[in-house]
Amino acid sequence: MFEIGFWELVLIGVVALVVIGPERLPGVARTVGRWVGRARQIVSTVRSEVERELQIEEMKRTIAEHDTAEQFRQLHDQIRTLESELRSSVQSADPRTAATPEPLTPPVETAAPLPAASSPPTAPAATPASPAPAAAAHRD
């Protein structure tokens, strides 16, 4: 963090000796040493707490990803089970389809475009099969 070399420390010691005096210098040095030790301890504690929190967040992320992946696997297994049950029920209900079971997955090809909604399909007009009996019922 701070780069203090040997000559800087010598200069600080000489200034402290002149300002504080030789009688009080050992006591001041002990006090400064305690404060520096406490500061280092606080920095170390904060650093370890931050690292611990980062590890916890990483674990939470890993657990969430694992949990999501496990849920997808379970859903996939359930879909496979339901698909096989549906195929077996269809085959048992209709013996004609037992020879050629079709997959339940949609085709990959794209669907043809839908016709425009403005032109509905028209049905052919129904023609009566025998108009004579209807006409005979009205004459009587």
C-alpha atoms as a PDB file:
ATOM      1  CA  MET A   1       0.000   0.000   0.000  1.00  0.00           C
ATOM      2  CA  PHE A   2       2.416   2.638   1.252  1.00  0.00           C
ATOM      3  CA  GLU A   3       5.955   2.219   0.123  1.00  0.00           C
ATOM      4  CA  ILE A   4       8.195   3.470   2.917  1.00  0.00           C
ATOM      5  CA  GLY A   5      11.838   2.629   2.487  1.00  0.00           C
ATOM      6  CA  PHE A   6      14.657   2.437   5.018  1.00  0.00           C
ATOM      7  CA  TRP A   7      15.746   6.065   4.641  1.00  0.00           C
ATOM      8  CA  GLU A   8      12.196   7.341   5.140  1.00  0.00           C
ATOM      9  CA  LEU A   9      11.984   5.362   8.407  1.00  0.00           C
ATOM     10  CA  VAL A  10      15.336   6.787   9.573  1.00  0.00           C
ATOM     11  CA  LEU A  11      14.125  10.321   8.835  1.00  0.00           C
ATOM     12  CA  ILE A  12      10.845   9.714  10.745  1.00  0.00           C
ATOM     13  CA  GLY A  13      12.840   8.287  13.709  1.00  0.00           C
ATOM     14  CA  VAL A  14      15.181  11.290  13.833  1.00  0.00           C
ATOM     15  CA  VAL A  15      12.260  13.762  13.675  1.00  0.00           C
ATOM     16  CA  ALA A  16      10.397  11.820  16.378  1.00  0.00           C
ATOM     17  CA  LEU A  17      13.502  11.773  18.579  1.00  0.00           C
ATOM     18  CA  VAL A  18      13.933  15.525  18.244  1.00  0.00           C
ATOM     19  CA  VAL A  19      10.220  16.376  18.696  1.00  0.00           C
ATOM     20  CA  ILE A  20       9.222  13.871  21.385  1.00  0.00           C
ATOM     21  CA  GLY A  21      12.518  13.476  23.189  1.00  0.00           C
ATOM     22  CA  PRO A  22      14.470  10.406  24.251  1.00  0.00           C
ATOM     23  CA  GLU A  23      12.467   9.818  27.470  1.00  0.00           C
ATOM     24  CA  ARG A  24       9.022   9.463  25.918  1.00  0.00           C
ATOM     25  CA  LEU A  25      10.063   7.917  22.564  1.00  0.00           C
ATOM     26  CA  PRO A  26       9.829   4.197  23.655  1.00  0.00           C
ATOM     27  CA  GLY A  27       6.277   4.679  25.016  1.00  0.00           C
ATOM     28  CA  VAL A  28       5.139   6.478  21.871  1.00  0.00           C
ATOM     29  CA  ALA A  29       6.704   3.756  19.720  1.00  0.00           C
ATOM     30  CA  ARG A  30       4.764   1.067  21.632  1.00  0.00           C
ATOM     31  CA  THR A  31       1.499   3.008  21.248  1.00  0.00           C
ATOM     32  CA  VAL A  32       2.057   3.516  17.519  1.00  0.00           C
ATOM     33  CA  GLY A  33       2.903  -0.181  17.180  1.00  0.00           C
ATOM     34  CA  ARG A  34      -0.377  -1.166  18.888  1.00  0.00           C
ATOM     35  CA  TRP A  35      -2.398   1.134  16.637  1.00  0.00           C
ATOM     36  CA  VAL A  36      -0.701  -0.197  13.516  1.00  0.00           C
ATOM     37  CA  GLY A  37      -1.375  -3.774  14.706  1.00  0.00           C
ATOM     38  CA  ARG A  38      -5.046  -2.996  15.326  1.00  0.00           C
ATOM     39  CA  ALA A  39      -5.358  -1.343  11.911  1.00  0.00           C
ATOM     40  CA  ARG A  40      -3.832  -4.422  10.253  1.00  0.00           C
ATOM     41  CA  GLN A  41      -6.167  -6.686  12.217  1.00  0.00           C
ATOM     42  CA  ILE A  42      -9.213  -4.638  11.167  1.00  0.00           C
ATOM     43  CA  VAL A  43      -8.114  -4.675   7.524  1.00  0.00           C
ATOM     44  CA  SER A  44      -7.532  -8.426   7.705  1.00  0.00           C
ATOM     45  CA  THR A  45     -10.936  -9.008   9.311  1.00  0.00           C
ATOM     46  CA  VAL A  46     -12.733  -6.923   6.699  1.00  0.00           C
ATOM     47  CA  ARG A  47     -10.855  -8.648   3.884  1.00  0.00           C
ATOM     48  CA  SER A  48     -11.737 -12.121   5.223  1.00  0.00           C
ATOM     49  CA  GLU A  49     -15.409 -11.138   5.642  1.00  0.00           C
ATOM     50  CA  VAL A  50     -15.574  -9.834   2.089  1.00  0.00           C
ATOM     51  CA  GLU A  51     -13.948 -13.020   0.783  1.00  0.00           C
ATOM     52  CA  ARG A  52     -16.369 -15.123   2.843  1.00  0.00           C
ATOM     53  CA  GLU A  53     -19.351 -13.195   1.442  1.00  0.00           C
ATOM     54  CA  LEU A  54     -18.067 -13.666  -2.106  1.00  0.00           C
ATOM     55  CA  GLN A  55     -17.683 -17.397  -1.490  1.00  0.00           C
ATOM     56  CA  ILE A  56     -21.216 -17.575  -0.081  1.00  0.00           C
ATOM     57  CA  GLU A  57     -22.613 -15.744  -3.122  1.00  0.00           C
ATOM     58  CA  GLU A  58     -20.707 -18.075  -5.436  1.00  0.00           C
ATOM     59  CA  MET A  59     -22.069 -21.095  -3.543  1.00  0.00           C
ATOM     60  CA  LYS A  60     -25.605 -19.710  -3.784  1.00  0.00           C
ATOM     61  CA  ARG A  61     -25.182 -19.215  -7.524  1.00  0.00           C
ATOM     62  CA  THR A  62     -23.813 -22.725  -7.928  1.00  0.00           C
ATOM     63  CA  ILE A  63     -26.652 -24.213  -5.883  1.00  0.00           C
ATOM     64  CA  ALA A  64     -29.230 -22.247  -7.868  1.00  0.00           C
ATOM     65  CA  GLU A  65     -27.727 -23.410 -11.167  1.00  0.00           C
ATOM     66  CA  HIS A  66     -27.567 -26.998  -9.930  1.00  0.00           C
ATOM     67  CA  ASP A  67     -31.124 -26.784  -8.622  1.00  0.00           C
ATOM     68  CA  THR A  68     -32.371 -25.391 -11.934  1.00  0.00           C
ATOM     69  CA  ALA A  69     -30.536 -28.058 -13.894  1.00  0.00           C
ATOM     70  CA  GLU A  70     -31.974 -30.754 -11.609  1.00  0.00           C
ATOM     71  CA  GLN A  71     -35.489 -29.364 -12.107  1.00  0.00           C
ATOM     72  CA  PHE A  72     -35.009 -29.448 -15.891  1.00  0.00           C
ATOM     73  CA  ARG A  73     -33.820 -33.053 -15.671  1.00  0.00           C
ATOM     74  CA  GLN A  74     -36.855 -33.991 -13.588  1.00  0.00           C
ATOM     75  CA  LEU A  75     -39.208 -32.257 -16.034  1.00  0.00           C
ATOM     76  CA  HIS A  76     -37.496 -33.997 -18.921  1.00  0.00           C
ATOM     77  CA  ASP A  77     -37.917 -37.382 -17.211  1.00  0.00           C
ATOM     78  CA  GLN A  78     -41.585 -36.643 -16.484  1.00  0.00           C
ATOM     79  CA  ILE A  79     -42.169 -35.674 -20.111  1.00  0.00           C
ATOM     80  CA  ARG A  80     -40.504 -38.888 -21.292  1.00  0.00           C
ATOM     81  CA  THR A  81     -42.645 -40.931 -18.887  1.00  0.00           C
ATOM     82  CA  LEU A  82     -45.846 -39.205 -19.986  1.00  0.00           C
ATOM     83  CA  GLU A  83     -44.894 -39.628 -23.622  1.00  0.00           C
ATOM     84  CA  SER A  84     -44.315 -43.352 -23.203  1.00  0.00           C
ATOM     85  CA  GLU A  85     -47.578 -43.728 -21.241  1.00  0.00           C
ATOM     86  CA  LEU A  86     -49.461 -41.842 -23.952  1.00  0.00           C
ATOM     87  CA  ARG A  87     -47.942 -43.998 -26.678  1.00  0.00           C
ATOM     88  CA  SER A  88     -48.802 -47.192 -24.826  1.00  0.00           C
ATOM     89  CA  SER A  89     -52.376 -46.038 -24.194  1.00  0.00           C
ATOM     90  CA  VAL A  90     -52.840 -45.049 -27.842  1.00  0.00           C
ATOM     91  CA  GLN A  91     -51.401 -48.369 -29.010  1.00  0.00           C
ATOM     92  CA  SER A  92     -53.622 -50.354 -26.666  1.00  0.00           C
ATOM     93  CA  ALA A  93     -56.734 -48.401 -27.704  1.00  0.00           C
ATOM     94  CA  ASP A  94     -56.154 -48.622 -31.474  1.00  0.00           C
ATOM     95  CA  PRO A  95     -54.320 -51.758 -32.689  1.00  0.00           C
ATOM     96  CA  ARG A  96     -53.901 -50.254 -36.195  1.00  0.00           C
ATOM     97  CA  THR A  97     -51.442 -47.664 -34.859  1.00  0.00           C
ATOM     98  CA  ALA A  98     -49.357 -50.271 -33.025  1.00  0.00           C
ATOM     99  CA  ALA A  99     -47.316 -50.972 -36.161  1.00  0.00           C
ATOM    100  CA  THR A 100     -46.345 -47.358 -36.866  1.00  0.00           C
ATOM    101  CA  PRO A 101     -46.107 -45.181 -33.764  1.00  0.00           C
ATOM    102  CA  GLU A 102     -45.542 -41.507 -34.540  1.00  0.00           C
ATOM    103  CA  PRO A 103     -43.244 -39.350 -32.416  1.00  0.00           C
ATOM    104  CA  LEU A 104     -44.943 -36.735 -30.293  1.00  0.00           C
ATOM    105  CA  THR A 105     -42.397 -34.075 -31.087  1.00  0.00           C
ATOM    106  CA  PRO A 106     -43.408 -31.368 -33.572  1.00  0.00           C
ATOM    107  CA  PRO A 107     -41.707 -31.359 -36.973  1.00  0.00           C
ATOM    108  CA  VAL A 108     -38.775 -29.043 -37.499  1.00  0.00           C
ATOM    109  CA  GLU A 109     -40.051 -27.691 -40.815  1.00  0.00           C
ATOM    110  CA  THR A 110     -41.815 -24.347 -40.875  1.00  0.00           C
ATOM    111  CA  ALA A 111     -45.551 -24.277 -41.441  1.00  0.00           C
ATOM    112  CA  ALA A 112     -47.095 -22.795 -44.575  1.00  0.00           C
ATOM    113  CA  PRO A 113     -48.434 -19.261 -44.198  1.00  0.00           C
ATOM    114  CA  LEU A 114     -52.071 -19.012 -43.190  1.00  0.00           C
ATOM    115  CA  PRO A 115     -54.629 -17.614 -45.700  1.00  0.00           C
ATOM    116  CA  ALA A 116     -55.779 -14.049 -45.205  1.00  0.00           C
ATOM    117  CA  ALA A 117     -58.573 -13.598 -42.662  1.00  0.00           C
ATOM    118  CA  SER A 118     -60.607 -11.401 -45.039  1.00  0.00           C
ATOM    119  CA  SER A 119     -61.590 -14.308 -47.308  1.00  0.00           C
ATOM    120  CA  PRO A 120     -63.231 -17.129 -45.316  1.00  0.00           C
ATOM    121  CA  PRO A 121     -63.470 -20.520 -47.026  1.00  0.00           C
ATOM    122  CA  THR A 122     -66.802 -21.195 -48.725  1.00  0.00           C
ATOM    123  CA  ALA A 123     -68.655 -24.495 -48.449  1.00  0.00           C
ATOM    124  CA  PRO A 124     -70.465 -25.986 -51.461  1.00  0.00           C
ATOM    125  CA  ALA A 125     -74.213 -25.390 -51.484  1.00  0.00           C
ATOM    126  CA  ALA A 126     -76.328 -28.345 -50.385  1.00  0.00           C
ATOM    127  CA  THR A 127     -78.818 -29.591 -52.981  1.00  0.00           C
ATOM    128  CA  PRO A 128     -81.984 -31.375 -51.890  1.00  0.00           C
ATOM    129  CA  ALA A 129     -82.068 -35.025 -52.910  1.00  0.00           C
ATOM    130  CA  SER A 130     -85.789 -35.198 -53.690  1.00  0.00           C
ATOM    131  CA  PRO A 131     -87.751 -31.961 -54.070  1.00  0.00           C
ATOM    132  CA  ALA A 132     -90.954 -33.757 -55.074  1.00  0.00           C
ATOM    133  CA  PRO A 133     -92.068 -35.067 -51.659  1.00  0.00           C
ATOM    134  CA  ALA A 134     -91.669 -31.631 -50.124  1.00  0.00           C
ATOM    135  CA  ALA A 135     -93.842 -30.101 -52.838  1.00  0.00           C
ATOM    136  CA  ALA A 136     -96.458 -32.854 -52.438  1.00  0.00           C
ATOM    137  CA  ALA A 137     -96.754 -32.187 -48.691  1.00  0.00           C
ATOM    138  CA  HIS A 138     -97.640 -28.536 -49.324  1.00  0.00           C
ATOM    139  CA  ARG A 139    -100.435 -29.338 -51.804  1.00  0.00           C
ATOM    140  CA  ASP A 140    -102.575 -31.258 -49.371  1.00  0.00           C
END
